Amino acid sequence: MANVIPNPPPGFDDLTISEQIDYVQALWDRIAASPEQIPVPEWHQQIIQERLEAYRANPSAGRVWSNVRANIEDKLRNR
């Protein structure tokens, strides 16, 4: 990082919580606009490789996304 930026930036603490969340979301949206520049840690790549190999070794062990999503939605509704 070329410039040292105070943490939090000036004026941040004067914002409401909602405004702080909006600010942070806007920062993330700006970063996410260039995904090719976001580094992927080696351990993330390793986990992806392991899971892909496990899927290839036993593709029937997985679950269809629509079923997984429905299960998650059910759990959230029943909280």
PDB file of N, CA and C in Angstrom:
ATOM      1  N   MET A   1       0.852  -1.170   0.000  1.00  0.00           N
ATOM      2  CA  MET A   1       0.000   0.000   0.000  1.00  0.00           C
ATOM      3  C   MET A   1       0.894   1.228   0.000  1.00  0.00           C
ATOM      4  N   ALA A   2       0.706   2.088  -0.950  1.00  0.00           N
ATOM      5  CA  ALA A   2       1.557   3.260  -1.104  1.00  0.00           C
ATOM      6  C   ALA A   2       1.301   4.293  -0.019  1.00  0.00           C
ATOM      7  N   ASN A   3       0.059   4.587   0.263  1.00  0.00           N
ATOM      8  CA  ASN A   3      -0.287   5.598   1.263  1.00  0.00           C
ATOM      9  C   ASN A   3      -0.841   4.936   2.514  1.00  0.00           C
ATOM     10  N   VAL A   4      -0.414   5.459   3.663  1.00  0.00           N
ATOM     11  CA  VAL A   4      -0.968   4.966   4.915  1.00  0.00           C
ATOM     12  C   VAL A   4      -2.262   5.728   5.164  1.00  0.00           C
ATOM     13  N   ILE A   5      -3.349   5.006   5.290  1.00  0.00           N
ATOM     14  CA  ILE A   5      -4.655   5.614   5.489  1.00  0.00           C
ATOM     15  C   ILE A   5      -5.058   5.386   6.934  1.00  0.00           C
ATOM     16  N   PRO A   6      -5.490   6.470   7.607  1.00  0.00           N
ATOM     17  CA  PRO A   6      -5.906   6.276   8.993  1.00  0.00           C
ATOM     18  C   PRO A   6      -7.089   5.322   9.077  1.00  0.00           C
ATOM     19  N   ASN A   7      -7.103   4.545  10.145  1.00  0.00           N
ATOM     20  CA  ASN A   7      -8.169   3.574  10.317  1.00  0.00           C
ATOM     21  C   ASN A   7      -8.914   3.890  11.599  1.00  0.00           C
ATOM     22  N   PRO A   8     -10.141   4.247  11.566  1.00  0.00           N
ATOM     23  CA  PRO A   8     -10.989   4.470  10.393  1.00  0.00           C
ATOM     24  C   PRO A   8     -10.649   5.800   9.735  1.00  0.00           C
ATOM     25  N   PRO A   9     -11.109   5.984   8.486  1.00  0.00           N
ATOM     26  CA  PRO A   9     -10.817   7.245   7.806  1.00  0.00           C
ATOM     27  C   PRO A   9     -11.514   8.405   8.512  1.00  0.00           C
ATOM     28  N   PRO A  10     -10.979   9.612   8.357  1.00  0.00           N
ATOM     29  CA  PRO A  10     -11.583  10.772   9.013  1.00  0.00           C
ATOM     30  C   PRO A  10     -13.072  10.895   8.685  1.00  0.00           C
ATOM     31  N   GLY A  11     -13.867  11.151   9.715  1.00  0.00           N
ATOM     32  CA  GLY A  11     -15.294  11.342   9.550  1.00  0.00           C
ATOM     33  C   GLY A  11     -16.111  10.065   9.649  1.00  0.00           C
ATOM     34  N   PHE A  12     -15.451   8.914   9.595  1.00  0.00           N
ATOM     35  CA  PHE A  12     -16.176   7.638   9.619  1.00  0.00           C
ATOM     36  C   PHE A  12     -16.984   7.473  10.899  1.00  0.00           C
ATOM     37  N   ASP A  13     -16.384   7.814  12.026  1.00  0.00           N
ATOM     38  CA  ASP A  13     -17.069   7.637  13.309  1.00  0.00           C
ATOM     39  C   ASP A  13     -18.242   8.596  13.476  1.00  0.00           C
ATOM     40  N   ASP A  14     -18.292   9.641  12.663  1.00  0.00           N
ATOM     41  CA  ASP A  14     -19.406  10.589  12.728  1.00  0.00           C
ATOM     42  C   ASP A  14     -20.635  10.090  11.962  1.00  0.00           C
ATOM     43  N   LEU A  15     -20.459   9.041  11.159  1.00  0.00           N
ATOM     44  CA  LEU A  15     -21.567   8.480  10.390  1.00  0.00           C
ATOM     45  C   LEU A  15     -22.444   7.617  11.294  1.00  0.00           C
ATOM     46  N   THR A  16     -23.709   7.480  10.916  1.00  0.00           N
ATOM     47  CA  THR A  16     -24.571   6.539  11.623  1.00  0.00           C
ATOM     48  C   THR A  16     -24.113   5.122  11.267  1.00  0.00           C
ATOM     49  N   ILE A  17     -24.554   4.144  12.022  1.00  0.00           N
ATOM     50  CA  ILE A  17     -24.194   2.753  11.726  1.00  0.00           C
ATOM     51  C   ILE A  17     -24.640   2.392  10.312  1.00  0.00           C
ATOM     52  N   SER A  18     -25.838   2.804   9.935  1.00  0.00           N
ATOM     53  CA  SER A  18     -26.342   2.519   8.587  1.00  0.00           C
ATOM     54  C   SER A  18     -25.431   3.138   7.526  1.00  0.00           C
ATOM     55  N   GLU A  19     -24.992   4.358   7.760  1.00  0.00           N
ATOM     56  CA  GLU A  19     -24.094   5.019   6.811  1.00  0.00           C
ATOM     57  C   GLU A  19     -22.727   4.332   6.778  1.00  0.00           C
ATOM     58  N   GLN A  20     -22.261   3.868   7.929  1.00  0.00           N
ATOM     59  CA  GLN A  20     -20.987   3.142   7.962  1.00  0.00           C
ATOM     60  C   GLN A  20     -21.078   1.860   7.149  1.00  0.00           C
ATOM     61  N   ILE A  21     -22.199   1.153   7.293  1.00  0.00           N
ATOM     62  CA  ILE A  21     -22.396  -0.076   6.524  1.00  0.00           C
ATOM     63  C   ILE A  21     -22.432   0.244   5.034  1.00  0.00           C
ATOM     64  N   ASP A  22     -23.150   1.295   4.652  1.00  0.00           N
ATOM     65  CA  ASP A  22     -23.204   1.707   3.247  1.00  0.00           C
ATOM     66  C   ASP A  22     -21.817   2.043   2.725  1.00  0.00           C
ATOM     67  N   TYR A  23     -21.019   2.716   3.552  1.00  0.00           N
ATOM     68  CA  TYR A  23     -19.661   3.108   3.172  1.00  0.00           C
ATOM     69  C   TYR A  23     -18.802   1.863   2.917  1.00  0.00           C
ATOM     70  N   VAL A  24     -18.853   0.933   3.864  1.00  0.00           N
ATOM     71  CA  VAL A  24     -18.058  -0.289   3.724  1.00  0.00           C
ATOM     72  C   VAL A  24     -18.520  -1.089   2.507  1.00  0.00           C
ATOM     73  N   GLN A  25     -19.840  -1.161   2.279  1.00  0.00           N
ATOM     74  CA  GLN A  25     -20.369  -1.873   1.117  1.00  0.00           C
ATOM     75  C   GLN A  25     -19.877  -1.221  -0.172  1.00  0.00           C
ATOM     76  N   ALA A  26     -19.863   0.108  -0.200  1.00  0.00           N
ATOM     77  CA  ALA A  26     -19.392   0.814  -1.388  1.00  0.00           C
ATOM     78  C   ALA A  26     -17.908   0.525  -1.633  1.00  0.00           C
ATOM     79  N   LEU A  27     -17.130   0.447  -0.555  1.00  0.00           N
ATOM     80  CA  LEU A  27     -15.714   0.102  -0.711  1.00  0.00           C
ATOM     81  C   LEU A  27     -15.570  -1.300  -1.289  1.00  0.00           C
ATOM     82  N   TRP A  28     -16.335  -2.249  -0.736  1.00  0.00           N
ATOM     83  CA  TRP A  28     -16.239  -3.619  -1.231  1.00  0.00           C
ATOM     84  C   TRP A  28     -16.678  -3.709  -2.686  1.00  0.00           C
ATOM     85  N   ASP A  29     -17.766  -3.012  -3.038  1.00  0.00           N
ATOM     86  CA  ASP A  29     -18.228  -3.018  -4.426  1.00  0.00           C
ATOM     87  C   ASP A  29     -17.140  -2.503  -5.360  1.00  0.00           C
ATOM     88  N   ARG A  30     -16.410  -1.514  -4.903  1.00  0.00           N
ATOM     89  CA  ARG A  30     -15.325  -0.952  -5.714  1.00  0.00           C
ATOM     90  C   ARG A  30     -14.202  -1.976  -5.899  1.00  0.00           C
ATOM     91  N   ILE A  31     -13.862  -2.674  -4.837  1.00  0.00           N
ATOM     92  CA  ILE A  31     -12.825  -3.714  -4.921  1.00  0.00           C
ATOM     93  C   ILE A  31     -13.300  -4.860  -5.805  1.00  0.00           C
ATOM     94  N   ALA A  32     -14.548  -5.298  -5.598  1.00  0.00           N
ATOM     95  CA  ALA A  32     -15.090  -6.450  -6.317  1.00  0.00           C
ATOM     96  C   ALA A  32     -15.303  -6.166  -7.798  1.00  0.00           C
ATOM     97  N   ALA A  33     -15.268  -4.900  -8.190  1.00  0.00           N
ATOM     98  CA  ALA A  33     -15.450  -4.551  -9.605  1.00  0.00           C
ATOM     99  C   ALA A  33     -14.284  -5.037 -10.453  1.00  0.00           C
ATOM    100  N   SER A  34     -13.157  -5.371  -9.819  1.00  0.00           N
ATOM    101  CA  SER A  34     -11.979  -5.876 -10.536  1.00  0.00           C
ATOM    102  C   SER A  34     -11.538  -7.196  -9.911  1.00  0.00           C
ATOM    103  N   PRO A  35     -12.344  -8.252 -10.074  1.00  0.00           N
ATOM    104  CA  PRO A  35     -12.023  -9.511  -9.397  1.00  0.00           C
ATOM    105  C   PRO A  35     -10.686 -10.108  -9.807  1.00  0.00           C
ATOM    106  N   GLU A  36     -10.248  -9.808 -11.010  1.00  0.00           N
ATOM    107  CA  GLU A  36      -8.963 -10.347 -11.460  1.00  0.00           C
ATOM    108  C   GLU A  36      -7.790  -9.793 -10.655  1.00  0.00           C
ATOM    109  N   GLN A  37      -8.010  -8.711  -9.929  1.00  0.00           N
ATOM    110  CA  GLN A  37      -6.937  -8.116  -9.124  1.00  0.00           C
ATOM    111  C   GLN A  37      -6.968  -8.583  -7.669  1.00  0.00           C
ATOM    112  N   ILE A  38      -7.982  -9.345  -7.303  1.00  0.00           N
ATOM    113  CA  ILE A  38      -8.096  -9.824  -5.918  1.00  0.00           C
ATOM    114  C   ILE A  38      -7.309 -11.122  -5.799  1.00  0.00           C
ATOM    115  N   PRO A  39      -6.296 -11.141  -4.952  1.00  0.00           N
ATOM    116  CA  PRO A  39      -5.496 -12.359  -4.836  1.00  0.00           C
ATOM    117  C   PRO A  39      -6.288 -13.487  -4.166  1.00  0.00           C
ATOM    118  N   VAL A  40      -6.074 -14.696  -4.653  1.00  0.00           N
ATOM    119  CA  VAL A  40      -6.698 -15.881  -4.063  1.00  0.00           C
ATOM    120  C   VAL A  40      -5.602 -16.609  -3.280  1.00  0.00           C
ATOM    121  N   PRO A  41      -5.789 -16.748  -1.956  1.00  0.00           N
ATOM    122  CA  PRO A  41      -4.754 -17.427  -1.163  1.00  0.00           C
ATOM    123  C   PRO A  41      -4.550 -18.865  -1.632  1.00  0.00           C
ATOM    124  N   GLU A  42      -3.338 -19.336  -1.486  1.00  0.00           N
ATOM    125  CA  GLU A  42      -2.999 -20.702  -1.890  1.00  0.00           C
ATOM    126  C   GLU A  42      -3.889 -21.727  -1.185  1.00  0.00           C
ATOM    127  N   TRP A  43      -4.199 -21.505   0.081  1.00  0.00           N
ATOM    128  CA  TRP A  43      -5.010 -22.487   0.813  1.00  0.00           C
ATOM    129  C   TRP A  43      -6.426 -22.562   0.261  1.00  0.00           C
ATOM    130  N   HIS A  44      -6.951 -21.461  -0.293  1.00  0.00           N
ATOM    131  CA  HIS A  44      -8.264 -21.511  -0.950  1.00  0.00           C
ATOM    132  C   HIS A  44      -8.179 -22.408  -2.186  1.00  0.00           C
ATOM    133  N   GLN A  45      -7.140 -22.219  -2.957  1.00  0.00           N
ATOM    134  CA  GLN A  45      -6.969 -23.013  -4.167  1.00  0.00           C
ATOM    135  C   GLN A  45      -6.812 -24.490  -3.829  1.00  0.00           C
ATOM    136  N   GLN A  46      -6.130 -24.776  -2.739  1.00  0.00           N
ATOM    137  CA  GLN A  46      -5.929 -26.161  -2.309  1.00  0.00           C
ATOM    138  C   GLN A  46      -7.258 -26.805  -1.928  1.00  0.00           C
ATOM    139  N   ILE A  47      -8.093 -26.075  -1.178  1.00  0.00           N
ATOM    140  CA  ILE A  47      -9.401 -26.609  -0.789  1.00  0.00           C
ATOM    141  C   ILE A  47     -10.260 -26.880  -2.023  1.00  0.00           C
ATOM    142  N   ILE A  48     -10.253 -25.954  -2.958  1.00  0.00           N
ATOM    143  CA  ILE A  48     -11.025 -26.147  -4.195  1.00  0.00           C
ATOM    144  C   ILE A  48     -10.541 -27.395  -4.927  1.00  0.00           C
ATOM    145  N   GLN A  49      -9.239 -27.565  -5.018  1.00  0.00           N
ATOM    146  CA  GLN A  49      -8.674 -28.737  -5.692  1.00  0.00           C
ATOM    147  C   GLN A  49      -9.084 -30.023  -4.988  1.00  0.00           C
ATOM    148  N   GLU A  50      -9.010 -30.029  -3.642  1.00  0.00           N
ATOM    149  CA  GLU A  50      -9.401 -31.218  -2.880  1.00  0.00           C
ATOM    150  C   GLU A  50     -10.873 -31.565  -3.104  1.00  0.00           C
ATOM    151  N   ARG A  51     -11.726 -30.554  -3.095  1.00  0.00           N
ATOM    152  CA  ARG A  51     -13.157 -30.796  -3.264  1.00  0.00           C
ATOM    153  C   ARG A  51     -13.477 -31.247  -4.684  1.00  0.00           C
ATOM    154  N   LEU A  52     -12.778 -30.701  -5.653  1.00  0.00           N
ATOM    155  CA  LEU A  52     -12.988 -31.127  -7.034  1.00  0.00           C
ATOM    156  C   LEU A  52     -12.566 -32.586  -7.207  1.00  0.00           C
ATOM    157  N   GLU A  53     -11.437 -32.956  -6.622  1.00  0.00           N
ATOM    158  CA  GLU A  53     -10.980 -34.344  -6.693  1.00  0.00           C
ATOM    159  C   GLU A  53     -11.965 -35.281  -5.998  1.00  0.00           C
ATOM    160  N   ALA A  54     -12.504 -34.859  -4.849  1.00  0.00           N
ATOM    161  CA  ALA A  54     -13.480 -35.690  -4.138  1.00  0.00           C
ATOM    162  C   ALA A  54     -14.743 -35.858  -4.975  1.00  0.00           C
ATOM    163  N   TYR A  55     -15.166 -34.799  -5.624  1.00  0.00           N
ATOM    164  CA  TYR A  55     -16.346 -34.889  -6.490  1.00  0.00           C
ATOM    165  C   TYR A  55     -16.092 -35.840  -7.654  1.00  0.00           C
ATOM    166  N   ARG A  56     -14.943 -35.703  -8.283  1.00  0.00           N
ATOM    167  CA  ARG A  56     -14.628 -36.579  -9.425  1.00  0.00           C
ATOM    168  C   ARG A  56     -14.541 -38.039  -9.001  1.00  0.00           C
ATOM    169  N   ALA A  57     -14.072 -38.284  -7.777  1.00  0.00           N
ATOM    170  CA  ALA A  57     -13.958 -39.661  -7.291  1.00  0.00           C
ATOM    171  C   ALA A  57     -15.325 -40.249  -6.955  1.00  0.00           C
ATOM    172  N   ASN A  58     -16.283 -39.405  -6.561  1.00  0.00           N
ATOM    173  CA  ASN A  58     -17.593 -39.910  -6.163  1.00  0.00           C
ATOM    174  C   ASN A  58     -18.661 -38.840  -6.416  1.00  0.00           C
ATOM    175  N   PRO A  59     -19.028 -38.610  -7.674  1.00  0.00           N
ATOM    176  CA  PRO A  59     -19.972 -37.539  -8.001  1.00  0.00           C
ATOM    177  C   PRO A  59     -21.355 -37.715  -7.399  1.00  0.00           C
ATOM    178  N   SER A  60     -21.748 -38.931  -7.077  1.00  0.00           N
ATOM    179  CA  SER A  60     -23.086 -39.143  -6.515  1.00  0.00           C
ATOM    180  C   SER A  60     -23.157 -38.767  -5.034  1.00  0.00           C
ATOM    181  N   ALA A  61     -22.023 -38.500  -4.404  1.00  0.00           N
ATOM    182  CA  ALA A  61     -22.012 -38.142  -2.982  1.00  0.00           C
ATOM    183  C   ALA A  61     -22.494 -36.711  -2.758  1.00  0.00           C
ATOM    184  N   GLY A  62     -22.487 -35.905  -3.804  1.00  0.00           N
ATOM    185  CA  GLY A  62     -22.915 -34.520  -3.675  1.00  0.00           C
ATOM    186  C   GLY A  62     -24.423 -34.387  -3.675  1.00  0.00           C
ATOM    187  N   ARG A  63     -24.882 -33.153  -3.451  1.00  0.00           N
ATOM    188  CA  ARG A  63     -26.313 -32.858  -3.463  1.00  0.00           C
ATOM    189  C   ARG A  63     -26.591 -31.790  -4.508  1.00  0.00           C
ATOM    190  N   VAL A  64     -27.764 -31.837  -5.073  1.00  0.00           N
ATOM    191  CA  VAL A  64     -28.184 -30.856  -6.064  1.00  0.00           C
ATOM    192  C   VAL A  64     -28.344 -29.501  -5.366  1.00  0.00           C
ATOM    193  N   TRP A  65     -27.866 -28.430  -6.008  1.00  0.00           N
ATOM    194  CA  TRP A  65     -27.898 -27.101  -5.405  1.00  0.00           C
ATOM    195  C   TRP A  65     -29.304 -26.707  -4.964  1.00  0.00           C
ATOM    196  N   SER A  66     -30.313 -27.002  -5.766  1.00  0.00           N
ATOM    197  CA  SER A  66     -31.673 -26.591  -5.400  1.00  0.00           C
ATOM    198  C   SER A  66     -32.099 -27.236  -4.077  1.00  0.00           C
ATOM    199  N   ASN A  67     -31.665 -28.471  -3.818  1.00  0.00           N
ATOM    200  CA  ASN A  67     -31.981 -29.131  -2.544  1.00  0.00           C
ATOM    201  C   ASN A  67     -31.216 -28.507  -1.386  1.00  0.00           C
ATOM    202  N   VAL A  68     -29.960 -28.182  -1.616  1.00  0.00           N
ATOM    203  CA  VAL A  68     -29.147 -27.547  -0.578  1.00  0.00           C
ATOM    204  C   VAL A  68     -29.762 -26.197  -0.213  1.00  0.00           C
ATOM    205  N   ARG A  69     -30.103 -25.429  -1.236  1.00  0.00           N
ATOM    206  CA  ARG A  69     -30.683 -24.107  -0.999  1.00  0.00           C
ATOM    207  C   ARG A  69     -32.008 -24.219  -0.246  1.00  0.00           C
ATOM    208  N   ALA A  70     -32.860 -25.137  -0.645  1.00  0.00           N
ATOM    209  CA  ALA A  70     -34.147 -25.323   0.025  1.00  0.00           C
ATOM    210  C   ALA A  70     -33.938 -25.683   1.490  1.00  0.00           C
ATOM    211  N   ASN A  71     -32.938 -26.511   1.766  1.00  0.00           N
ATOM    212  CA  ASN A  71     -32.641 -26.900   3.142  1.00  0.00           C
ATOM    213  C   ASN A  71     -32.189 -25.694   3.956  1.00  0.00           C
ATOM    214  N   ILE A  72     -31.355 -24.872   3.390  1.00  0.00           N
ATOM    215  CA  ILE A  72     -30.880 -23.660   4.077  1.00  0.00           C
ATOM    216  C   ILE A  72     -32.048 -22.709   4.341  1.00  0.00           C
ATOM    217  N   GLU A  73     -32.897 -22.525   3.331  1.00  0.00           N
ATOM    218  CA  GLU A  73     -34.044 -21.637   3.493  1.00  0.00           C
ATOM    219  C   GLU A  73     -34.992 -22.151   4.578  1.00  0.00           C
ATOM    220  N   ASP A  74     -35.204 -23.456   4.625  1.00  0.00           N
ATOM    221  CA  ASP A  74     -36.052 -24.046   5.678  1.00  0.00           C
ATOM    222  C   ASP A  74     -35.473 -23.767   7.055  1.00  0.00           C
ATOM    223  N   LYS A  75     -34.177 -23.961   7.202  1.00  0.00           N
ATOM    224  CA  LYS A  75     -33.528 -23.715   8.491  1.00  0.00           C
ATOM    225  C   LYS A  75     -33.655 -22.252   8.894  1.00  0.00           C
ATOM    226  N   LEU A  76     -33.519 -21.344   7.948  1.00  0.00           N
ATOM    227  CA  LEU A  76     -33.629 -19.922   8.260  1.00  0.00           C
ATOM    228  C   LEU A  76     -35.055 -19.546   8.656  1.00  0.00           C
ATOM    229  N   ARG A  77     -36.035 -20.149   7.994  1.00  0.00           N
ATOM    230  CA  ARG A  77     -37.435 -19.873   8.338  1.00  0.00           C
ATOM    231  C   ARG A  77     -37.798 -20.384   9.730  1.00  0.00           C
ATOM    232  N   ASN A  78     -37.179 -21.470  10.129  1.00  0.00           N
ATOM    233  CA  ASN A  78     -37.514 -22.098  11.410  1.00  0.00           C
ATOM    234  C   ASN A  78     -36.642 -21.629  12.561  1.00  0.00           C
ATOM    235  N   ARG A  79     -35.957 -20.544  12.405  1.00  0.00           N
ATOM    236  CA  ARG A  79     -35.110 -20.011  13.490  1.00  0.00           C
ATOM    237  C   ARG A  79     -35.933 -19.465  14.601  1.00  0.00           C
TER     238      ARG A  79
END
